[in-house]
N, C-alpha and C. Protein backbone atom coordinates (compact mmCIF):
# COMPACT_ATOMS: atom_id res chain seq x y z
N MET A 1 41.53 -113.50 -8.77
CA MET A 1 42.91 -113.72 -9.22
C MET A 1 43.44 -112.29 -9.06
N THR A 2 42.83 -111.46 -9.65
CA THR A 2 43.42 -110.09 -9.93
C THR A 2 43.43 -109.46 -8.51
N ARG A 3 42.56 -109.67 -7.57
CA ARG A 3 42.55 -109.09 -6.10
C ARG A 3 43.62 -109.77 -5.51
N ALA A 4 43.99 -111.13 -5.60
CA ALA A 4 45.14 -111.61 -5.01
C ALA A 4 46.53 -110.90 -5.68
N HIS A 5 46.71 -110.69 -6.76
CA HIS A 5 47.81 -110.17 -7.31
C HIS A 5 48.01 -108.80 -6.58
N TYR A 6 46.90 -107.80 -6.55
CA TYR A 6 46.85 -106.49 -5.97
C TYR A 6 47.39 -106.61 -4.55
N ILE A 7 46.76 -107.39 -3.98
CA ILE A 7 47.13 -107.81 -2.32
C ILE A 7 48.71 -108.32 -2.32
N PHE A 8 49.04 -109.04 -3.02
CA PHE A 8 50.54 -109.69 -3.21
C PHE A 8 51.26 -108.43 -3.38
N GLY A 9 51.03 -107.58 -4.32
CA GLY A 9 52.03 -106.53 -4.75
C GLY A 9 51.99 -105.41 -3.67
N HIS A 10 50.90 -105.36 -2.84
CA HIS A 10 50.93 -104.14 -1.97
C HIS A 10 51.29 -104.47 -0.49
N THR A 11 51.55 -105.62 -0.24
CA THR A 11 51.91 -106.12 1.03
C THR A 11 53.28 -106.60 1.23
N PHE A 12 53.77 -106.75 2.39
CA PHE A 12 55.21 -107.02 2.79
C PHE A 12 55.36 -108.31 3.23
N ASN A 13 56.29 -109.24 2.77
CA ASN A 13 56.36 -110.47 3.42
C ASN A 13 55.29 -111.42 3.54
N THR A 14 54.49 -111.56 2.43
CA THR A 14 53.45 -112.52 2.59
C THR A 14 53.51 -113.58 1.37
N THR A 15 52.98 -114.65 1.40
CA THR A 15 53.03 -115.58 0.62
C THR A 15 51.83 -115.39 -0.46
N PHE A 16 51.92 -115.84 -1.78
CA PHE A 16 50.76 -115.57 -2.72
C PHE A 16 49.62 -116.54 -2.32
N SER A 17 49.83 -117.83 -1.72
CA SER A 17 48.83 -118.55 -1.20
C SER A 17 47.92 -117.88 -0.11
N TYR A 18 48.74 -117.19 0.87
CA TYR A 18 47.93 -116.43 1.73
C TYR A 18 47.06 -115.27 0.95
N CYS A 19 47.61 -114.69 0.22
CA CYS A 19 46.90 -113.51 -0.76
C CYS A 19 45.62 -114.15 -1.38
N LEU A 20 45.93 -115.32 -2.02
CA LEU A 20 44.65 -115.86 -2.67
C LEU A 20 43.56 -116.22 -1.47
N THR A 21 44.02 -116.79 -0.49
CA THR A 21 42.94 -116.92 0.60
C THR A 21 42.38 -115.74 0.99
N LYS A 22 43.06 -114.66 1.24
CA LYS A 22 42.47 -113.36 1.47
C LYS A 22 41.40 -112.91 0.53
N ALA A 23 42.03 -112.70 -0.63
CA ALA A 23 40.98 -112.53 -1.86
C ALA A 23 39.82 -113.05 -2.03
N TRP A 24 40.00 -114.39 -1.55
CA TRP A 24 38.77 -115.25 -1.70
C TRP A 24 37.77 -115.03 -0.67
N THR A 25 38.18 -114.91 0.65
CA THR A 25 37.52 -114.44 1.80
C THR A 25 36.78 -113.08 1.69
N GLU A 26 37.56 -112.26 1.11
CA GLU A 26 36.96 -110.87 0.78
C GLU A 26 35.93 -110.99 -0.14
N ALA A 27 35.97 -111.68 -1.31
CA ALA A 27 34.89 -111.96 -2.14
C ALA A 27 33.69 -112.57 -1.73
N LYS A 28 33.75 -113.65 -0.82
CA LYS A 28 32.95 -114.16 -0.06
C LYS A 28 31.96 -113.28 0.81
N GLU A 29 32.81 -112.34 1.46
CA GLU A 29 32.06 -111.57 2.44
C GLU A 29 31.44 -110.45 1.47
N GLU A 30 32.18 -109.99 0.38
CA GLU A 30 31.16 -108.94 -0.40
C GLU A 30 29.88 -109.46 -1.07
N ALA A 31 29.93 -110.78 -1.26
CA ALA A 31 28.98 -111.56 -1.81
C ALA A 31 27.70 -111.64 -0.65
N ARG A 32 28.16 -111.88 0.47
CA ARG A 32 27.28 -112.13 1.59
C ARG A 32 26.50 -110.73 1.76
N ILE A 33 27.44 -109.70 1.72
CA ILE A 33 26.90 -108.46 2.15
C ILE A 33 25.89 -107.78 1.07
N SER A 34 26.38 -108.10 -0.23
CA SER A 34 25.22 -107.50 -1.23
C SER A 34 24.08 -108.43 -1.32
N GLU A 35 24.25 -109.85 -1.03
CA GLU A 35 22.90 -110.61 -0.82
C GLU A 35 22.06 -109.96 0.43
N GLU A 36 22.63 -109.55 1.46
CA GLU A 36 21.85 -109.15 2.64
C GLU A 36 21.31 -107.80 2.53
N ASN A 37 21.89 -106.84 1.66
CA ASN A 37 21.48 -105.41 1.08
C ASN A 37 20.26 -105.73 0.13
N ALA A 38 20.40 -106.64 -0.68
CA ALA A 38 19.36 -107.09 -1.56
C ALA A 38 18.02 -107.44 -0.87
N ARG A 39 18.22 -108.27 0.17
CA ARG A 39 17.26 -108.88 0.88
C ARG A 39 16.42 -107.72 1.86
N ARG A 40 17.28 -106.92 2.30
CA ARG A 40 16.99 -105.59 3.00
C ARG A 40 16.01 -104.79 2.25
N ALA A 41 16.64 -104.53 0.91
CA ALA A 41 15.86 -103.64 0.12
C ALA A 41 14.67 -104.24 -0.49
N ALA A 42 14.47 -105.52 -0.70
CA ALA A 42 13.03 -106.05 -0.87
C ALA A 42 12.23 -105.96 0.22
N GLU A 43 12.81 -106.34 1.35
CA GLU A 43 11.83 -106.08 2.70
C GLU A 43 11.50 -104.86 2.70
N TYR A 44 12.12 -103.56 2.56
CA TYR A 44 11.93 -102.36 2.86
C TYR A 44 10.54 -101.87 1.57
N LYS A 45 10.96 -102.57 0.33
CA LYS A 45 10.02 -102.07 -0.70
C LYS A 45 8.56 -102.68 -0.40
N ALA A 46 8.83 -103.91 0.05
CA ALA A 46 7.43 -104.78 0.41
C ALA A 46 6.51 -103.94 1.37
N LYS A 47 7.34 -103.41 2.48
CA LYS A 47 6.67 -102.48 3.65
C LYS A 47 6.33 -101.33 3.30
N TYR A 48 7.33 -100.54 2.68
CA TYR A 48 6.88 -99.10 2.34
C TYR A 48 7.03 -98.65 0.97
N GLY A 49 6.75 -99.63 0.26
CA GLY A 49 6.67 -99.37 -1.45
C GLY A 49 5.65 -98.45 -1.72
N ASN A 50 4.32 -98.62 -1.24
CA ASN A 50 3.06 -97.60 -1.63
C ASN A 50 3.31 -96.39 -1.05
N ARG A 51 3.86 -96.18 0.04
CA ARG A 51 4.06 -95.07 0.76
C ARG A 51 5.18 -94.15 -0.02
N ASP A 52 6.09 -94.77 -0.30
CA ASP A 52 7.18 -93.89 -1.19
C ASP A 52 6.63 -93.70 -2.62
N TYR A 53 5.88 -94.52 -3.27
CA TYR A 53 5.27 -94.21 -4.31
C TYR A 53 4.28 -93.03 -4.43
N ARG A 54 3.24 -93.05 -3.39
CA ARG A 54 2.54 -91.83 -3.13
C ARG A 54 3.31 -90.54 -2.92
N ASN A 55 4.31 -90.40 -2.07
CA ASN A 55 5.13 -89.25 -1.79
C ASN A 55 5.70 -89.02 -3.16
N TYR A 56 6.22 -89.77 -4.00
CA TYR A 56 6.88 -89.43 -5.20
C TYR A 56 5.80 -88.88 -6.03
N ARG A 57 4.66 -89.28 -6.22
CA ARG A 57 3.66 -88.84 -6.91
C ARG A 57 3.16 -87.51 -6.56
N SER A 58 2.97 -87.56 -5.30
CA SER A 58 2.22 -86.22 -4.76
C SER A 58 3.28 -84.93 -4.80
N TYR A 59 4.66 -85.17 -4.81
CA TYR A 59 5.39 -84.08 -5.23
C TYR A 59 6.07 -84.09 -6.58
N TYR A 60 5.23 -84.61 -7.50
CA TYR A 60 5.96 -84.85 -8.76
C TYR A 60 6.12 -83.49 -9.48
N SER A 61 5.27 -82.57 -9.35
CA SER A 61 5.31 -81.38 -9.96
C SER A 61 5.46 -80.19 -9.28
N SER A 62 5.94 -80.48 -8.14
CA SER A 62 6.37 -79.44 -7.19
C SER A 62 7.84 -78.95 -7.02
N ARG A 63 8.09 -77.64 -6.69
CA ARG A 63 9.36 -77.43 -6.55
C ARG A 63 9.25 -77.06 -4.88
N MET A 64 10.34 -77.77 -4.28
CA MET A 64 10.35 -77.60 -2.79
C MET A 64 10.18 -76.32 -2.39
N GLY A 65 9.20 -76.11 -1.58
CA GLY A 65 9.18 -74.63 -0.81
C GLY A 65 8.31 -73.53 -1.67
N HIS A 66 8.02 -73.96 -2.89
CA HIS A 66 7.14 -72.98 -3.65
C HIS A 66 5.58 -73.36 -4.01
N ASN A 67 5.14 -74.61 -4.51
CA ASN A 67 3.94 -74.94 -4.61
C ASN A 67 3.60 -76.29 -4.10
N ASP A 68 4.50 -76.82 -3.06
CA ASP A 68 4.34 -77.87 -2.41
C ASP A 68 2.99 -78.16 -1.56
N TRP A 69 2.55 -76.97 -1.15
CA TRP A 69 1.37 -77.11 -0.24
C TRP A 69 0.32 -77.15 -1.05
N ARG A 70 0.31 -76.67 -2.27
CA ARG A 70 -0.71 -76.87 -3.34
C ARG A 70 -0.99 -78.29 -3.50
N CYS A 71 0.19 -79.10 -3.79
CA CYS A 71 0.01 -80.54 -4.20
C CYS A 71 -0.55 -81.33 -2.82
N ASP A 72 -0.10 -80.88 -1.66
CA ASP A 72 -0.62 -81.53 -0.59
C ASP A 72 -2.16 -81.18 -0.57
N TYR A 73 -2.44 -80.22 -0.60
CA TYR A 73 -4.08 -79.82 -0.50
C TYR A 73 -4.69 -80.65 -1.72
N ARG A 74 -4.21 -80.68 -2.90
CA ARG A 74 -5.02 -81.23 -3.93
C ARG A 74 -5.15 -82.73 -3.66
N ASN A 75 -3.97 -83.13 -3.14
CA ASN A 75 -4.20 -84.71 -2.91
C ASN A 75 -4.82 -85.17 -1.72
N ASP A 76 -5.04 -84.17 -0.62
CA ASP A 76 -5.82 -84.46 0.34
C ASP A 76 -7.34 -84.22 0.07
N ALA A 77 -7.57 -83.26 -0.88
CA ALA A 77 -8.87 -83.20 -1.27
C ALA A 77 -9.30 -84.16 -2.20
N LYS A 78 -8.60 -84.87 -2.91
CA LYS A 78 -8.75 -85.95 -3.89
C LYS A 78 -9.05 -87.25 -3.15
N ALA A 79 -8.09 -87.32 -2.03
CA ALA A 79 -8.36 -88.52 -1.12
C ALA A 79 -9.74 -88.32 -0.35
N THR A 80 -10.08 -87.34 -0.18
CA THR A 80 -11.37 -87.09 0.71
C THR A 80 -12.42 -87.35 -0.21
N VAL A 81 -12.25 -86.92 -1.48
CA VAL A 81 -13.49 -87.26 -2.31
C VAL A 81 -13.63 -88.92 -2.63
N ILE A 82 -12.54 -89.40 -2.83
CA ILE A 82 -12.41 -90.75 -3.00
C ILE A 82 -13.09 -91.73 -1.83
N ARG A 83 -12.68 -91.22 -0.77
CA ARG A 83 -13.13 -91.77 0.60
C ARG A 83 -14.55 -91.77 0.65
N SER A 84 -15.09 -90.49 0.21
CA SER A 84 -16.46 -90.33 0.41
C SER A 84 -17.41 -91.03 -0.52
N PHE A 85 -16.73 -91.45 -1.92
CA PHE A 85 -17.47 -92.05 -2.62
C PHE A 85 -17.49 -93.73 -2.26
N ASN A 86 -16.17 -93.91 -1.62
CA ASN A 86 -16.27 -95.44 -1.12
C ASN A 86 -16.81 -95.77 -0.08
N ALA A 87 -17.38 -94.64 0.81
CA ALA A 87 -18.03 -95.03 1.92
C ALA A 87 -19.56 -95.34 1.70
N ARG A 88 -19.93 -95.00 0.50
CA ARG A 88 -21.40 -95.24 0.36
C ARG A 88 -21.70 -96.77 -0.01
């Protein structure tokens, strides 16, 4: 209703009925878009969640350009050790 009043006050030569219809259409479209975005976010998290978490943890203590290579090396070394234990 607030959006309809806004549209009515900021347009020329329109009926309030038209403004209500327009506001309702905009609200439905906004709800559809937010639902679609939530679905895409869940799909992305399911597909790439582990990778994003690993990247977040690997650079947790680094300042970009200063000691980020140490974090990479440490994590690569840790992954190598874990892989060697799991291979047995």
